Amino acid sequence: MATSGDIDWSRTPAAIWRSRTDTLRPVENIDPIRFDQLLGIDEQINAIKKNTERFIEGLPANNALLWGSRGTGKSSIIKALLNEYRPRGLRVIEVDKSDIVDLPEIVDLICYKPYSYIVYSDDLSFDEGESAYKALKSIMEGSIELPPGNILIYATSNRRHLMPEYMQENDQSNVVRTEIHHGEAVEEKISLSDRFGLWLSFYPINQAEYLKMIDALFVDTHPEDRETLHKEAIKFALAKGGRSGRAAKQFYNSYSGDF
């Protein structure tokens, strides 16, 4: 099994798990995004900052699930957390969904290190029949061993319960003395997402919020260009199939300097 001895965590803020070699690869070129660049999600930012501050201070904190619409800032929040709290000992290990089965080995590598680790998985979900989620459940709460105090799981997903849900599964639910009792299929799915004590929801943004993001990105553009800028930004979002922070950034990448 790989060791983390090659990583100097005092100088390395993040690493990526490489399952084929059973190693943690240090990340040197960190995305510099900061919280003040993320617009329209102040409530979510405040909640996860509070949770993360409790974590690095050694207080009880929750695993976090950031779920909802694509391109709404879920992944950017994790990157901003690292930039904000790196000086206070926060470290991030990114684990691909397909490598979740390696979580016990990853935890063994870092559980005694003097840093606060967020094990982060982006776009996490499990298809019908997959069993890798059981390793995640075990690490979070389901083992005879207490979860390490210096490790939390933060995940982003488009699915509220991380697994596909079907209408017929609700038919198995019943009410007993005013309490809802879900069927076995639903209970299995909820038992995974329920281990995340902090749920943060992300929804599509309206046009006013989208244009506010555009203005922030094109901050040096002259005011007389705003009308044309906004029209082109709206057209771009329509072609993309929806408004989002990601669409705003992609519009900027395509048209900065043209207005």
Protein backbone atom coordinates (compact mmCIF):
# COMPACT_ATOMS: atom_id res chain seq x y z
CA MET A 1 0.00 0.00 0.00
CA ALA A 2 1.16 3.51 -0.74
CA THR A 3 2.28 5.86 2.00
CA SER A 4 1.95 9.61 2.16
CA GLY A 5 5.55 9.98 3.30
CA ASP A 6 6.50 11.52 -0.02
CA ILE A 7 4.09 14.40 0.53
CA ASP A 8 5.21 17.33 2.62
CA TRP A 9 1.80 18.45 3.87
CA SER A 10 3.32 21.59 5.38
CA ARG A 11 3.90 22.81 1.82
CA THR A 12 1.34 20.81 -0.17
CA PRO A 13 -2.28 21.98 0.22
CA ALA A 14 -3.96 19.26 -1.84
CA ALA A 15 -3.50 15.87 -3.45
CA ILE A 16 -5.33 13.61 -5.88
CA TRP A 17 -5.71 9.88 -5.32
CA ARG A 18 -4.39 7.73 -8.17
CA SER A 19 -5.83 4.27 -7.76
CA ARG A 20 -3.71 2.54 -10.41
CA THR A 21 -0.54 3.31 -8.49
CA ASP A 22 -2.10 3.52 -5.01
CA THR A 23 -0.53 6.93 -4.47
CA LEU A 24 -1.46 10.45 -3.54
CA ARG A 25 -0.24 12.88 -6.20
CA PRO A 26 0.55 16.36 -4.82
CA VAL A 27 -1.23 19.26 -6.49
CA GLU A 28 0.99 22.28 -6.95
CA ASN A 29 -1.07 24.44 -9.33
CA ILE A 30 -4.11 25.26 -7.20
CA ASP A 31 -7.13 27.03 -8.70
CA PRO A 32 -6.93 30.51 -7.07
CA ILE A 33 -10.68 31.16 -6.90
CA ARG A 34 -11.89 33.04 -3.81
CA PHE A 35 -15.29 33.39 -2.16
CA ASP A 36 -15.75 36.98 -3.27
CA GLN A 37 -15.77 35.74 -6.87
CA LEU A 38 -18.77 33.49 -6.23
CA LEU A 39 -22.02 35.38 -6.64
CA GLY A 40 -25.59 34.48 -5.74
CA ILE A 41 -24.77 31.67 -3.28
CA ASP A 42 -24.00 33.60 -0.10
CA GLU A 43 -26.22 31.42 2.10
CA GLN A 44 -24.49 28.23 0.99
CA ILE A 45 -21.05 29.82 1.41
CA ASN A 46 -21.79 30.99 4.94
CA ALA A 47 -23.07 27.55 5.95
CA ILE A 48 -20.08 25.60 4.66
CA LYS A 49 -17.59 28.15 6.01
CA LYS A 50 -19.12 27.83 9.48
CA ASN A 51 -18.96 24.03 9.29
CA THR A 52 -15.36 24.07 8.04
CA GLU A 53 -14.23 26.53 10.70
CA ARG A 54 -15.67 24.27 13.40
CA PHE A 55 -13.81 21.36 11.82
CA ILE A 56 -10.37 23.00 11.78
CA GLU A 57 -10.92 24.27 15.33
CA GLY A 58 -11.46 20.70 16.53
CA LEU A 59 -15.16 21.16 17.21
CA PRO A 60 -17.89 18.75 16.05
CA ALA A 61 -18.64 19.24 12.34
CA ASN A 62 -20.60 17.50 9.62
CA ASN A 63 -19.85 15.78 6.36
CA ALA A 64 -21.30 17.96 3.60
CA LEU A 65 -23.29 17.20 0.46
CA LEU A 66 -23.58 20.01 -2.08
CA TRP A 67 -26.30 19.00 -4.51
CA GLY A 68 -28.33 20.62 -7.24
CA SER A 69 -28.15 22.17 -10.69
CA ARG A 70 -25.02 21.96 -12.77
CA GLY A 71 -22.73 24.97 -13.04
CA THR A 72 -24.02 26.69 -9.90
CA GLY A 73 -20.76 26.88 -7.95
CA LYS A 74 -20.68 23.62 -6.00
CA SER A 75 -17.14 22.66 -6.99
CA SER A 76 -15.91 26.26 -6.83
CA ILE A 77 -16.92 26.46 -3.16
CA ILE A 78 -14.58 23.56 -2.31
CA LYS A 79 -11.68 25.23 -4.12
CA ALA A 80 -12.39 28.52 -2.35
CA LEU A 81 -12.45 26.72 1.01
CA LEU A 82 -8.93 25.43 0.40
CA ASN A 83 -7.65 28.91 -0.50
CA GLU A 84 -9.37 30.45 2.52
CA TYR A 85 -8.36 27.95 5.19
CA ARG A 86 -5.10 26.49 3.90
CA PRO A 87 -3.08 28.74 6.28
CA ARG A 88 -5.06 27.27 9.20
CA GLY A 89 -4.17 23.68 8.35
CA LEU A 90 -6.92 22.67 5.93
CA ARG A 91 -5.90 20.14 3.28
CA VAL A 92 -7.98 18.60 0.47
CA ILE A 93 -7.70 15.15 -1.10
CA GLU A 94 -9.70 14.66 -4.27
CA VAL A 95 -11.02 11.17 -4.95
CA ASP A 96 -12.76 10.18 -8.16
CA LYS A 97 -16.14 8.49 -7.87
CA SER A 98 -14.74 5.29 -9.33
CA ASP A 99 -12.09 5.20 -6.58
CA ILE A 100 -14.44 5.54 -3.61
CA VAL A 101 -13.74 1.87 -2.82
CA ASP A 102 -10.21 2.98 -1.85
CA LEU A 103 -11.44 5.32 0.89
CA PRO A 104 -10.42 3.05 3.79
CA GLU A 105 -6.83 2.95 2.48
CA ILE A 106 -6.77 6.72 1.95
CA VAL A 107 -8.05 7.33 5.47
CA ASP A 108 -5.34 5.06 6.89
CA LEU A 109 -2.71 7.26 5.23
CA ILE A 110 -3.82 10.52 6.83
CA CYS A 111 -5.78 9.78 9.99
CA TYR A 112 -2.79 10.51 12.26
CA LYS A 113 -1.47 13.55 10.41
CA PRO A 114 -1.62 16.94 12.20
CA TYR A 115 -3.86 18.54 9.57
CA SER A 116 -7.57 18.82 8.87
CA TYR A 117 -8.44 16.88 5.71
CA ILE A 118 -11.44 17.23 3.47
CA VAL A 119 -11.78 14.17 1.27
CA TYR A 120 -13.58 15.58 -1.71
CA SER A 121 -15.44 13.81 -4.52
CA ASP A 122 -16.91 15.85 -7.36
CA ASP A 123 -20.06 14.89 -9.25
CA LEU A 124 -20.61 11.92 -6.97
CA SER A 125 -23.41 9.51 -7.79
CA PHE A 126 -23.96 5.78 -7.98
CA ASP A 127 -25.86 3.84 -10.60
CA GLU A 128 -28.20 0.98 -9.88
CA GLY A 129 -26.25 -2.10 -8.82
CA GLU A 130 -23.04 -0.30 -7.82
CA SER A 131 -21.68 -1.24 -4.41
CA ALA A 132 -18.82 1.26 -4.03
CA TYR A 133 -21.06 3.50 -1.93
CA LYS A 134 -20.77 0.98 0.92
CA ALA A 135 -17.14 2.01 1.49
CA LEU A 136 -18.31 5.61 1.77
CA LYS A 137 -21.01 4.69 4.28
CA SER A 138 -18.53 2.71 6.35
CA ILE A 139 -16.01 5.54 6.56
CA MET A 140 -18.64 8.09 7.51
CA GLU A 141 -20.46 6.19 10.24
CA GLY A 142 -20.83 2.50 9.61
CA SER A 143 -17.64 0.95 11.00
CA ILE A 144 -16.74 -0.40 14.41
CA GLU A 145 -14.00 2.26 14.43
CA LEU A 146 -14.94 5.86 15.11
CA PRO A 147 -14.51 8.17 12.11
CA PRO A 148 -11.17 10.04 12.39
CA GLY A 149 -11.54 13.48 13.89
CA ASN A 150 -9.30 15.10 11.29
CA ILE A 151 -11.24 13.92 8.22
CA LEU A 152 -14.55 15.03 6.70
CA ILE A 153 -16.21 14.02 3.44
CA TYR A 154 -17.40 16.82 1.16
CA ALA A 155 -19.17 15.73 -2.04
CA THR A 156 -20.95 17.47 -4.89
CA SER A 157 -23.73 15.83 -6.85
CA ASN A 158 -26.66 16.49 -9.15
CA ARG A 159 -28.65 13.90 -7.18
CA ARG A 160 -30.09 14.65 -3.76
CA HIS A 161 -29.64 11.06 -2.57
CA LEU A 162 -26.62 10.26 -4.78
CA MET A 163 -28.47 7.32 -6.34
CA PRO A 164 -31.22 7.02 -8.97
CA GLU A 165 -34.78 7.24 -7.65
CA TYR A 166 -37.87 5.73 -9.25
CA MET A 167 -41.55 6.48 -8.81
CA GLN A 168 -42.43 2.84 -8.10
CA GLU A 169 -40.15 2.83 -5.05
CA ASN A 170 -42.55 5.22 -3.31
CA ASP A 171 -45.29 2.61 -3.66
CA GLN A 172 -43.47 0.57 -1.02
CA SER A 173 -43.86 3.33 1.56
CA ASN A 174 -46.64 3.24 4.12
CA VAL A 175 -47.93 5.26 7.04
CA VAL A 176 -47.99 3.78 10.53
CA ARG A 177 -49.59 5.95 13.22
CA THR A 178 -48.88 9.12 11.19
CA GLU A 179 -45.21 8.18 10.66
CA ILE A 180 -43.91 7.49 7.15
CA HIS A 181 -42.10 4.17 6.75
CA HIS A 182 -40.18 3.94 3.51
CA GLY A 183 -39.71 0.74 1.55
CA GLU A 184 -36.37 -1.08 1.63
CA ALA A 185 -35.17 0.40 -1.68
CA VAL A 186 -35.77 3.96 -0.50
CA GLU A 187 -34.28 3.30 2.94
CA GLU A 188 -31.07 2.00 1.35
CA LYS A 189 -30.67 5.15 -0.70
CA ILE A 190 -31.53 7.54 2.11
CA SER A 191 -29.11 5.75 4.46
CA LEU A 192 -26.20 7.00 2.35
CA SER A 193 -27.21 10.63 1.89
CA ASP A 194 -28.43 10.78 5.50
CA ARG A 195 -24.84 10.41 6.68
CA PHE A 196 -24.16 13.90 5.37
CA GLY A 197 -25.13 16.16 8.23
CA LEU A 198 -24.91 19.30 6.11
CA TRP A 199 -27.00 19.46 2.94
CA LEU A 200 -26.60 22.51 0.73
CA SER A 201 -28.97 22.95 -2.21
CA PHE A 202 -28.09 24.81 -5.42
CA TYR A 203 -30.76 26.00 -7.84
CA PRO A 204 -30.79 27.58 -11.31
CA ILE A 205 -30.26 31.34 -11.27
CA ASN A 206 -32.56 33.98 -12.76
CA GLN A 207 -31.58 36.38 -15.51
CA ALA A 208 -30.82 39.27 -13.15
CA GLU A 209 -28.38 37.12 -11.15
CA TYR A 210 -26.80 35.84 -14.36
CA LEU A 211 -26.23 39.36 -15.70
CA LYS A 212 -24.77 40.40 -12.35
CA MET A 213 -22.18 37.65 -12.79
CA ILE A 214 -21.50 38.88 -16.33
CA ASP A 215 -20.95 42.43 -15.08
CA ALA A 216 -18.56 41.20 -12.39
CA LEU A 217 -16.51 39.27 -14.95
CA PHE A 218 -16.44 42.17 -17.43
CA VAL A 219 -15.69 44.70 -14.70
CA ASP A 220 -13.36 46.76 -16.94
CA THR A 221 -15.86 47.07 -19.80
CA HIS A 222 -17.18 50.56 -20.47
CA PRO A 223 -20.78 51.21 -19.31
CA GLU A 224 -21.99 52.08 -22.83
CA ASP A 225 -21.23 48.52 -23.92
CA ARG A 226 -23.47 46.94 -21.29
CA GLU A 227 -26.59 46.60 -23.42
CA THR A 228 -24.78 44.75 -26.20
CA LEU A 229 -22.84 42.72 -23.65
CA HIS A 230 -26.02 41.61 -21.89
CA LYS A 231 -27.79 40.70 -25.13
CA GLU A 232 -24.90 38.54 -26.25
CA ALA A 233 -24.59 36.94 -22.80
CA ILE A 234 -28.28 36.03 -22.80
CA LYS A 235 -27.99 34.52 -26.28
CA PHE A 236 -24.98 32.51 -25.13
CA ALA A 237 -26.86 31.15 -22.11
CA LEU A 238 -29.83 30.16 -24.27
CA ALA A 239 -27.53 28.28 -26.61
CA LYS A 240 -25.99 26.51 -23.61
CA GLY A 241 -29.41 25.47 -22.37
CA GLY A 242 -29.54 27.54 -19.19
CA ARG A 243 -28.09 30.31 -17.04
CA SER A 244 -25.36 29.45 -14.54
CA GLY A 245 -22.09 30.67 -13.13
CA ARG A 246 -20.33 28.22 -15.42
CA ALA A 247 -22.10 29.65 -18.47
CA ALA A 248 -21.11 33.17 -17.41
CA LYS A 249 -17.45 32.18 -17.10
CA GLN A 250 -17.52 30.38 -20.44
CA PHE A 251 -19.04 33.47 -22.07
CA TYR A 252 -16.23 35.55 -20.59
CA ASN A 253 -13.63 33.10 -21.88
CA SER A 254 -15.12 33.36 -25.36
CA TYR A 255 -15.76 37.10 -25.59
CA SER A 256 -13.50 38.99 -23.17
CA GLY A 257 -11.85 41.81 -25.04
CA ASP A 258 -14.63 42.02 -27.66
CA PHE A 259 -16.75 44.61 -25.81
